[in-house]
Amino acid sequence: MCDPIAVITAAAGAAEQIAQGDARAAERRGEAARLERAATQAEQDAAIAERRQREAFGRSFAQRRARLGRAGVTVSGSPLDTFDDLIEGEEVDAATLRRSGEIRARDYRHQAVRQRAAAEEAEASGFLNAGRSLMSGVSSAVSRSNRAGTAIGSGGGGHRGGSR
């Protein structure tokens, strides 16, 4: 018969290992959710920055055209080329803002994927550690039981056979 206290202790240790794995997994999932929110926020921030950039450029561009018009300059030829260059530069700036937000969002989402994988690993590790703990505890209990049975079966005298 194996020691019931040892088996109960092993089972409690196994339950603790599972609980620890679950706690680590929950922590990782929480971090993944935070990173997903950060990714969404990065996209929204980039869209706002892009819109503001375009609006600011639009105001500046309109003011320049108005000043040129008041000065009597017609917008053709060389001034038009300058405006085209300004517009191209603005498009590059706005696209850069948008792209940097997309890159930040992608990085956050990659980190979130890694955190979700770590959560799965933590859960699996908890179960594996629980199994090891349980097997070790039961094995130890059975081993102690076998030793105790052998000691009882031998008569407890420690002297085997033979005569004096």
N, C-alpha and C. Protein backbone atom coordinates (compact mmCIF):
# COMPACT_ATOMS: atom_id res chain seq x y z
N MET A 1 0.85 -1.18 0.00
CA MET A 1 0.00 0.00 0.00
C MET A 1 0.89 1.23 0.00
N CYS A 2 0.54 2.20 -0.82
CA CYS A 2 1.40 3.38 -0.85
C CYS A 2 0.87 4.44 0.09
N ASP A 3 1.75 5.32 0.47
CA ASP A 3 1.49 6.36 1.46
C ASP A 3 0.49 7.37 0.90
N PRO A 4 -0.75 7.44 1.45
CA PRO A 4 -1.76 8.35 0.90
C PRO A 4 -1.38 9.82 1.08
N ILE A 5 -0.66 10.16 2.13
CA ILE A 5 -0.24 11.55 2.34
C ILE A 5 0.71 11.97 1.23
N ALA A 6 1.61 11.08 0.86
CA ALA A 6 2.56 11.40 -0.21
C ALA A 6 1.84 11.59 -1.54
N VAL A 7 0.84 10.78 -1.79
CA VAL A 7 0.07 10.90 -3.04
C VAL A 7 -0.72 12.21 -3.04
N ILE A 8 -1.32 12.56 -1.92
CA ILE A 8 -2.08 13.81 -1.82
C ILE A 8 -1.13 15.00 -1.99
N THR A 9 0.03 14.92 -1.38
CA THR A 9 1.02 15.99 -1.52
C THR A 9 1.46 16.13 -2.98
N ALA A 10 1.66 14.99 -3.66
CA ALA A 10 2.05 15.03 -5.07
C ALA A 10 0.93 15.65 -5.91
N ALA A 11 -0.31 15.29 -5.61
CA ALA A 11 -1.45 15.85 -6.36
C ALA A 11 -1.56 17.35 -6.12
N ALA A 12 -1.34 17.78 -4.89
CA ALA A 12 -1.40 19.22 -4.58
C ALA A 12 -0.28 19.95 -5.32
N GLY A 13 0.90 19.35 -5.37
CA GLY A 13 2.02 19.95 -6.11
C GLY A 13 1.70 20.05 -7.59
N ALA A 14 1.06 19.02 -8.13
CA ALA A 14 0.69 19.04 -9.55
C ALA A 14 -0.34 20.14 -9.81
N ALA A 15 -1.31 20.28 -8.92
CA ALA A 15 -2.32 21.33 -9.09
C ALA A 15 -1.67 22.70 -9.04
N GLU A 16 -0.69 22.87 -8.16
CA GLU A 16 0.03 24.15 -8.06
C GLU A 16 0.79 24.44 -9.36
N GLN A 17 1.40 23.43 -9.95
CA GLN A 17 2.11 23.62 -11.22
C GLN A 17 1.16 24.06 -12.33
N ILE A 18 -0.01 23.46 -12.37
CA ILE A 18 -1.02 23.85 -13.39
C ILE A 18 -1.47 25.28 -13.15
N ALA A 19 -1.71 25.62 -11.88
CA ALA A 19 -2.14 26.99 -11.55
C ALA A 19 -1.08 28.01 -11.94
N GLN A 20 0.18 27.69 -11.68
CA GLN A 20 1.26 28.60 -12.06
C GLN A 20 1.34 28.77 -13.58
N GLY A 21 1.19 27.67 -14.31
CA GLY A 21 1.20 27.75 -15.77
C GLY A 21 0.04 28.60 -16.29
N ASP A 22 -1.14 28.41 -15.67
CA ASP A 22 -2.30 29.20 -16.07
C ASP A 22 -2.08 30.69 -15.77
N ALA A 23 -1.46 30.99 -14.63
CA ALA A 23 -1.21 32.39 -14.27
C ALA A 23 -0.23 33.03 -15.25
N ARG A 24 0.82 32.30 -15.60
CA ARG A 24 1.78 32.83 -16.58
C ARG A 24 1.11 33.03 -17.94
N ALA A 25 0.25 32.09 -18.32
CA ALA A 25 -0.46 32.21 -19.60
C ALA A 25 -1.39 33.42 -19.60
N ALA A 26 -2.10 33.63 -18.50
CA ALA A 26 -3.01 34.78 -18.42
C ALA A 26 -2.24 36.08 -18.51
N GLU A 27 -1.08 36.12 -17.89
CA GLU A 27 -0.24 37.32 -17.95
C GLU A 27 0.20 37.59 -19.39
N ARG A 28 0.61 36.55 -20.09
CA ARG A 28 1.04 36.70 -21.49
C ARG A 28 -0.12 37.12 -22.39
N ARG A 29 -1.29 36.56 -22.16
CA ARG A 29 -2.46 36.94 -22.97
C ARG A 29 -2.84 38.39 -22.72
N GLY A 30 -2.72 38.82 -21.48
CA GLY A 30 -2.99 40.23 -21.16
C GLY A 30 -2.03 41.14 -21.88
N GLU A 31 -0.76 40.76 -21.91
CA GLU A 31 0.25 41.56 -22.63
C GLU A 31 -0.06 41.56 -24.13
N ALA A 32 -0.49 40.44 -24.68
CA ALA A 32 -0.84 40.38 -26.10
C ALA A 32 -2.01 41.31 -26.40
N ALA A 33 -2.99 41.34 -25.53
CA ALA A 33 -4.15 42.24 -25.73
C ALA A 33 -3.69 43.70 -25.68
N ARG A 34 -2.79 44.02 -24.75
CA ARG A 34 -2.27 45.39 -24.65
C ARG A 34 -1.53 45.76 -25.93
N LEU A 35 -0.75 44.83 -26.47
CA LEU A 35 0.00 45.11 -27.70
C LEU A 35 -0.94 45.29 -28.90
N GLU A 36 -2.02 44.52 -28.93
CA GLU A 36 -3.01 44.69 -30.01
C GLU A 36 -3.64 46.09 -29.94
N ARG A 37 -3.94 46.52 -28.71
CA ARG A 37 -4.50 47.88 -28.55
C ARG A 37 -3.48 48.93 -28.97
N ALA A 38 -2.21 48.70 -28.64
CA ALA A 38 -1.16 49.64 -29.04
C ALA A 38 -1.03 49.69 -30.56
N ALA A 39 -1.19 48.55 -31.22
CA ALA A 39 -1.12 48.51 -32.68
C ALA A 39 -2.25 49.34 -33.29
N THR A 40 -3.43 49.15 -32.78
CA THR A 40 -4.58 49.92 -33.28
C THR A 40 -4.36 51.41 -33.04
N GLN A 41 -3.85 51.74 -31.85
CA GLN A 41 -3.59 53.14 -31.52
C GLN A 41 -2.52 53.73 -32.44
N ALA A 42 -1.49 52.96 -32.76
CA ALA A 42 -0.44 53.44 -33.66
C ALA A 42 -1.02 53.75 -35.05
N GLU A 43 -1.90 52.89 -35.52
CA GLU A 43 -2.55 53.14 -36.82
C GLU A 43 -3.41 54.41 -36.77
N GLN A 44 -4.17 54.54 -35.69
CA GLN A 44 -5.02 55.72 -35.57
C GLN A 44 -4.19 57.00 -35.44
N ASP A 45 -3.13 56.94 -34.65
CA ASP A 45 -2.25 58.10 -34.49
C ASP A 45 -1.61 58.49 -35.83
N ALA A 46 -1.20 57.49 -36.61
CA ALA A 46 -0.59 57.77 -37.91
C ALA A 46 -1.61 58.39 -38.86
N ALA A 47 -2.83 57.90 -38.83
CA ALA A 47 -3.88 58.46 -39.70
C ALA A 47 -4.16 59.91 -39.32
N ILE A 48 -4.20 60.19 -38.02
CA ILE A 48 -4.43 61.57 -37.56
C ILE A 48 -3.26 62.46 -37.97
N ALA A 49 -2.04 61.98 -37.78
CA ALA A 49 -0.85 62.77 -38.14
C ALA A 49 -0.82 63.03 -39.65
N GLU A 50 -1.18 62.02 -40.42
CA GLU A 50 -1.22 62.19 -41.88
C GLU A 50 -2.26 63.25 -42.27
N ARG A 51 -3.46 63.14 -41.68
CA ARG A 51 -4.52 64.10 -41.99
C ARG A 51 -4.11 65.52 -41.60
N ARG A 52 -3.51 65.66 -40.42
CA ARG A 52 -3.07 66.99 -39.96
C ARG A 52 -1.98 67.54 -40.88
N GLN A 53 -1.09 66.67 -41.31
CA GLN A 53 -0.02 67.08 -42.22
C GLN A 53 -0.62 67.62 -43.52
N ARG A 54 -1.58 66.88 -44.05
CA ARG A 54 -2.23 67.30 -45.30
C ARG A 54 -3.01 68.62 -45.11
N GLU A 55 -3.70 68.73 -43.98
CA GLU A 55 -4.46 69.96 -43.72
C GLU A 55 -3.52 71.16 -43.59
N ALA A 56 -2.43 70.97 -42.86
CA ALA A 56 -1.47 72.07 -42.68
C ALA A 56 -0.86 72.46 -44.02
N PHE A 57 -0.54 71.46 -44.82
CA PHE A 57 0.02 71.77 -46.13
C PHE A 57 -1.01 72.48 -46.99
N GLY A 58 -2.25 72.01 -46.95
CA GLY A 58 -3.31 72.65 -47.74
C GLY A 58 -3.47 74.12 -47.38
N ARG A 59 -3.45 74.42 -46.08
CA ARG A 59 -3.55 75.82 -45.65
C ARG A 59 -2.35 76.62 -46.15
N SER A 60 -1.18 76.06 -45.97
CA SER A 60 0.05 76.75 -46.39
C SER A 60 0.06 76.96 -47.91
N PHE A 61 -0.36 75.95 -48.63
CA PHE A 61 -0.37 76.02 -50.08
C PHE A 61 -1.36 77.09 -50.54
N ALA A 62 -2.53 77.13 -49.93
CA ALA A 62 -3.55 78.13 -50.29
C ALA A 62 -3.04 79.54 -50.00
N GLN A 63 -2.35 79.71 -48.87
CA GLN A 63 -1.81 81.03 -48.53
C GLN A 63 -0.76 81.46 -49.55
N ARG A 64 0.08 80.54 -49.98
CA ARG A 64 1.11 80.87 -50.97
C ARG A 64 0.48 81.29 -52.29
N ARG A 65 -0.53 80.53 -52.71
CA ARG A 65 -1.20 80.87 -53.98
C ARG A 65 -1.87 82.23 -53.86
N ALA A 66 -2.47 82.50 -52.73
CA ALA A 66 -3.15 83.80 -52.53
C ALA A 66 -2.13 84.94 -52.57
N ARG A 67 -0.99 84.76 -51.92
CA ARG A 67 0.04 85.81 -51.93
C ARG A 67 0.55 86.04 -53.35
N LEU A 68 0.75 84.95 -54.08
CA LEU A 68 1.21 85.10 -55.47
C LEU A 68 0.15 85.81 -56.30
N GLY A 69 -1.12 85.45 -56.09
CA GLY A 69 -2.20 86.09 -56.83
C GLY A 69 -2.29 87.58 -56.52
N ARG A 70 -2.13 87.94 -55.24
CA ARG A 70 -2.16 89.36 -54.86
C ARG A 70 -0.99 90.12 -55.48
N ALA A 71 0.11 89.40 -55.65
CA ALA A 71 1.30 90.04 -56.23
C ALA A 71 1.21 90.10 -57.76
N GLY A 72 0.17 89.49 -58.33
CA GLY A 72 -0.02 89.54 -59.77
C GLY A 72 0.76 88.47 -60.52
N VAL A 73 1.26 87.46 -59.81
CA VAL A 73 2.02 86.39 -60.47
C VAL A 73 1.04 85.35 -60.98
N THR A 74 1.18 84.97 -62.23
CA THR A 74 0.35 83.90 -62.77
C THR A 74 1.05 82.57 -62.51
N VAL A 75 0.24 81.57 -62.25
CA VAL A 75 0.81 80.27 -61.89
C VAL A 75 0.89 79.41 -63.15
N SER A 76 1.99 79.58 -63.85
CA SER A 76 2.27 78.76 -65.02
C SER A 76 3.78 78.73 -65.18
N GLY A 77 4.25 77.72 -65.86
CA GLY A 77 5.69 77.62 -66.08
C GLY A 77 6.43 77.30 -64.81
N SER A 78 7.45 78.09 -64.52
CA SER A 78 8.34 77.84 -63.39
C SER A 78 7.62 77.85 -62.03
N PRO A 79 6.72 78.80 -61.73
CA PRO A 79 6.00 78.75 -60.45
C PRO A 79 5.14 77.48 -60.32
N LEU A 80 4.56 77.05 -61.43
CA LEU A 80 3.74 75.83 -61.40
C LEU A 80 4.62 74.62 -61.08
N ASP A 81 5.82 74.60 -61.67
CA ASP A 81 6.76 73.51 -61.37
C ASP A 81 7.12 73.50 -59.89
N THR A 82 7.28 74.66 -59.31
CA THR A 82 7.58 74.76 -57.88
C THR A 82 6.43 74.21 -57.06
N PHE A 83 5.20 74.55 -57.45
CA PHE A 83 4.04 74.01 -56.74
C PHE A 83 3.97 72.49 -56.86
N ASP A 84 4.26 71.99 -58.04
CA ASP A 84 4.26 70.53 -58.24
C ASP A 84 5.29 69.86 -57.32
N ASP A 85 6.46 70.47 -57.22
CA ASP A 85 7.49 69.93 -56.33
C ASP A 85 7.03 69.94 -54.88
N LEU A 86 6.37 71.04 -54.49
CA LEU A 86 5.84 71.13 -53.11
C LEU A 86 4.80 70.05 -52.85
N ILE A 87 3.93 69.87 -53.83
CA ILE A 87 2.87 68.86 -53.67
C ILE A 87 3.48 67.46 -53.57
N GLU A 88 4.46 67.16 -54.41
CA GLU A 88 5.12 65.86 -54.36
C GLU A 88 5.78 65.65 -53.00
N GLY A 89 6.47 66.67 -52.52
CA GLY A 89 7.11 66.58 -51.21
C GLY A 89 6.10 66.33 -50.11
N GLU A 90 4.96 67.01 -50.20
CA GLU A 90 3.89 66.82 -49.21
C GLU A 90 3.37 65.39 -49.25
N GLU A 91 3.18 64.85 -50.43
CA GLU A 91 2.69 63.48 -50.56
C GLU A 91 3.68 62.50 -49.94
N VAL A 92 4.95 62.73 -50.16
CA VAL A 92 5.98 61.86 -49.58
C VAL A 92 5.94 61.97 -48.05
N ASP A 93 5.83 63.18 -47.53
CA ASP A 93 5.77 63.37 -46.08
C ASP A 93 4.55 62.67 -45.48
N ALA A 94 3.40 62.85 -46.10
CA ALA A 94 2.17 62.24 -45.60
C ALA A 94 2.26 60.71 -45.67
N ALA A 95 2.77 60.20 -46.78
CA ALA A 95 2.91 58.75 -46.92
C ALA A 95 3.91 58.20 -45.90
N THR A 96 4.95 58.96 -45.60
CA THR A 96 5.94 58.53 -44.60
C THR A 96 5.29 58.43 -43.22
N LEU A 97 4.47 59.40 -42.88
CA LEU A 97 3.76 59.34 -41.60
C LEU A 97 2.86 58.10 -41.53
N ARG A 98 2.12 57.86 -42.58
CA ARG A 98 1.22 56.70 -42.62
C ARG A 98 2.02 55.41 -42.52
N ARG A 99 3.11 55.32 -43.29
CA ARG A 99 3.92 54.10 -43.32
C ARG A 99 4.59 53.84 -41.97
N SER A 100 5.05 54.88 -41.30
CA SER A 100 5.69 54.67 -40.00
C SER A 100 4.67 54.14 -38.99
N GLY A 101 3.43 54.61 -39.07
CA GLY A 101 2.37 54.06 -38.21
C GLY A 101 2.07 52.62 -38.52
N GLU A 102 2.06 52.28 -39.80
CA GLU A 102 1.82 50.89 -40.21
C GLU A 102 2.94 49.98 -39.70
N ILE A 103 4.17 50.46 -39.77
CA ILE A 103 5.32 49.67 -39.29
C ILE A 103 5.23 49.47 -37.78
N ARG A 104 4.92 50.53 -37.04
CA ARG A 104 4.77 50.39 -35.58
C ARG A 104 3.65 49.41 -35.24
N ALA A 105 2.54 49.51 -35.95
CA ALA A 105 1.41 48.61 -35.70
C ALA A 105 1.80 47.17 -36.00
N ARG A 106 2.50 46.95 -37.10
CA ARG A 106 2.94 45.60 -37.45
C ARG A 106 3.87 45.04 -36.38
N ASP A 107 4.79 45.87 -35.89
CA ASP A 107 5.72 45.42 -34.84
C ASP A 107 4.95 45.04 -33.57
N TYR A 108 3.98 45.86 -33.19
CA TYR A 108 3.17 45.53 -32.01
C TYR A 108 2.42 44.21 -32.21
N ARG A 109 1.88 44.02 -33.40
CA ARG A 109 1.13 42.78 -33.66
C ARG A 109 2.05 41.55 -33.66
N HIS A 110 3.27 41.70 -34.16
CA HIS A 110 4.23 40.60 -34.10
C HIS A 110 4.55 40.26 -32.64
N GLN A 111 4.74 41.28 -31.82
CA GLN A 111 5.00 41.05 -30.40
C GLN A 111 3.79 40.36 -29.75
N ALA A 112 2.59 40.74 -30.15
CA ALA A 112 1.39 40.13 -29.59
C ALA A 112 1.33 38.65 -29.96
N VAL A 113 1.69 38.32 -31.19
CA VAL A 113 1.72 36.92 -31.61
C VAL A 113 2.71 36.14 -30.74
N ARG A 114 3.87 36.73 -30.50
CA ARG A 114 4.87 36.05 -29.66
C ARG A 114 4.35 35.86 -28.23
N GLN A 115 3.62 36.85 -27.73
CA GLN A 115 3.08 36.73 -26.37
C GLN A 115 2.01 35.63 -26.30
N ARG A 116 1.18 35.53 -27.34
CA ARG A 116 0.17 34.47 -27.34
C ARG A 116 0.83 33.09 -27.43
N ALA A 117 1.91 32.99 -28.20
CA ALA A 117 2.65 31.72 -28.26
C ALA A 117 3.27 31.40 -26.90
N ALA A 118 3.78 32.40 -26.23
CA ALA A 118 4.36 32.20 -24.89
C ALA A 118 3.28 31.77 -23.91
N ALA A 119 2.06 32.26 -24.09
CA ALA A 119 0.95 31.85 -23.22
C ALA A 119 0.65 30.37 -23.40
N GLU A 120 0.62 29.93 -24.65
CA GLU A 120 0.38 28.50 -24.93
C GLU A 120 1.50 27.65 -24.33
N GLU A 121 2.72 28.14 -24.47
CA GLU A 121 3.88 27.42 -23.92
C GLU A 121 3.81 27.35 -22.40
N ALA A 122 3.38 28.43 -21.76
CA ALA A 122 3.27 28.45 -20.30
C ALA A 122 2.22 27.45 -19.81
N GLU A 123 1.10 27.38 -20.52
CA GLU A 123 0.08 26.41 -20.14
C GLU A 123 0.60 24.98 -20.28
N ALA A 124 1.22 24.71 -21.42
CA ALA A 124 1.76 23.37 -21.66
C ALA A 124 2.82 23.03 -20.62
N SER A 125 3.67 23.99 -20.31
CA SER A 125 4.71 23.78 -19.32
C SER A 125 4.10 23.48 -17.95
N GLY A 126 3.03 24.16 -17.60
CA GLY A 126 2.36 23.89 -16.34
C GLY A 126 1.86 22.46 -16.26
N PHE A 127 1.28 21.96 -17.34
CA PHE A 127 0.79 20.58 -17.36
C PHE A 127 1.96 19.59 -17.32
N LEU A 128 3.01 19.88 -18.08
CA LEU A 128 4.17 18.98 -18.06
C LEU A 128 4.80 18.93 -16.68
N ASN A 129 4.97 20.09 -16.07
CA ASN A 129 5.55 20.13 -14.72
C ASN A 129 4.63 19.43 -13.72
N ALA A 130 3.32 19.56 -13.90
CA ALA A 130 2.37 18.87 -13.03
C ALA A 130 2.53 17.37 -13.17
N GLY A 131 2.64 16.91 -14.40
CA GLY A 131 2.83 15.47 -14.63
C GLY A 131 4.10 14.96 -13.99
N ARG A 132 5.19 15.73 -14.16
CA ARG A 132 6.46 15.34 -13.54
C ARG A 132 6.34 15.29 -12.02
N SER A 133 5.72 16.31 -11.46
CA SER A 133 5.55 16.38 -10.01
C SER A 133 4.72 15.20 -9.50
N LEU A 134 3.63 14.92 -10.19
CA LEU A 134 2.76 13.83 -9.79
C LEU A 134 3.47 12.48 -9.90
N MET A 135 4.14 12.27 -11.02
CA MET A 135 4.86 11.00 -11.22
C MET A 135 5.97 10.83 -10.18
N SER A 136 6.68 11.89 -9.91
CA SER A 136 7.77 11.83 -8.93
C SER A 136 7.22 11.53 -7.54
N GLY A 137 6.14 12.22 -7.17
CA GLY A 137 5.54 12.01 -5.85
C GLY A 137 4.99 10.61 -5.68
N VAL A 138 4.28 10.12 -6.67
CA VAL A 138 3.72 8.77 -6.60
C VAL A 138 4.84 7.74 -6.59
N SER A 139 5.84 7.95 -7.42
CA SER A 139 6.98 7.03 -7.46
C SER A 139 7.67 6.97 -6.10
N SER A 140 7.85 8.12 -5.50
CA SER A 140 8.48 8.18 -4.18
C SER A 140 7.62 7.48 -3.14
N ALA A 141 6.30 7.69 -3.19
CA ALA A 141 5.40 7.04 -2.24
C ALA A 141 5.42 5.54 -2.39
N VAL A 142 5.40 5.07 -3.63
CA VAL A 142 5.44 3.63 -3.88
C VAL A 142 6.77 3.06 -3.42
N SER A 143 7.84 3.76 -3.70
CA SER A 143 9.17 3.30 -3.29
C SER A 143 9.26 3.19 -1.77
N ARG A 144 8.77 4.20 -1.06
CA ARG A 144 8.78 4.15 0.41
C ARG A 144 7.93 3.00 0.91
N SER A 145 6.79 2.81 0.26
CA SER A 145 5.90 1.72 0.66
C SER A 145 6.58 0.37 0.45
N ASN A 146 7.28 0.22 -0.66
CA ASN A 146 7.99 -1.03 -0.94
C ASN A 146 9.09 -1.26 0.08
N ARG A 147 9.82 -0.22 0.44
CA ARG A 147 10.89 -0.36 1.44
C ARG A 147 10.31 -0.74 2.78
N ALA A 148 9.18 -0.11 3.13
CA ALA A 148 8.54 -0.43 4.41
C ALA A 148 8.04 -1.86 4.41
N GLY A 149 7.49 -2.31 3.31
CA GLY A 149 7.00 -3.69 3.20
C GLY A 149 8.13 -4.69 3.29
N THR A 150 9.26 -4.38 2.71
CA THR A 150 10.42 -5.26 2.75
C THR A 150 10.96 -5.35 4.17
N ALA A 151 10.98 -4.20 4.86
CA ALA A 151 11.48 -4.21 6.24
C ALA A 151 10.57 -5.02 7.13
N ILE A 152 9.26 -4.94 6.93
CA ILE A 152 8.31 -5.71 7.75
C ILE A 152 8.42 -7.18 7.41
N GLY A 153 8.53 -7.48 6.15
CA GLY A 153 8.60 -8.87 5.69
C GLY A 153 9.88 -9.58 6.13
N SER A 154 10.91 -8.86 6.40
CA SER A 154 12.18 -9.50 6.77
C SER A 154 12.24 -9.79 8.25
N GLY A 155 11.22 -9.41 8.95
CA GLY A 155 11.20 -9.69 10.38
C GLY A 155 11.76 -8.56 11.19
N GLY A 156 12.30 -7.61 10.55
CA GLY A 156 12.76 -6.42 11.25
C GLY A 156 14.04 -6.65 12.01
N GLY A 157 14.57 -7.85 12.07
CA GLY A 157 15.76 -8.10 12.86
C GLY A 157 17.02 -7.71 12.15
N GLY A 158 16.97 -7.62 10.88
CA GLY A 158 18.14 -7.24 10.14
C GLY A 158 19.11 -8.40 9.94
N HIS A 159 18.88 -9.56 10.57
CA HIS A 159 19.78 -10.71 10.41
C HIS A 159 19.07 -11.71 9.51
N ARG A 160 19.72 -12.15 8.47
CA ARG A 160 19.09 -13.06 7.53
C ARG A 160 19.78 -14.41 7.58
N GLY A 161 18.97 -15.32 7.81
CA GLY A 161 19.42 -16.73 7.73
C GLY A 161 20.71 -17.00 8.47
N GLY A 162 21.20 -18.17 8.26
CA GLY A 162 22.45 -18.59 8.88
C GLY A 162 22.29 -18.85 10.36
N SER A 163 23.25 -19.53 10.92
CA SER A 163 23.18 -19.80 12.36
C SER A 163 24.37 -19.20 13.03
N ARG A 164 24.22 -19.07 14.31
CA ARG A 164 25.32 -18.51 15.06
C ARG A 164 26.00 -19.52 15.86
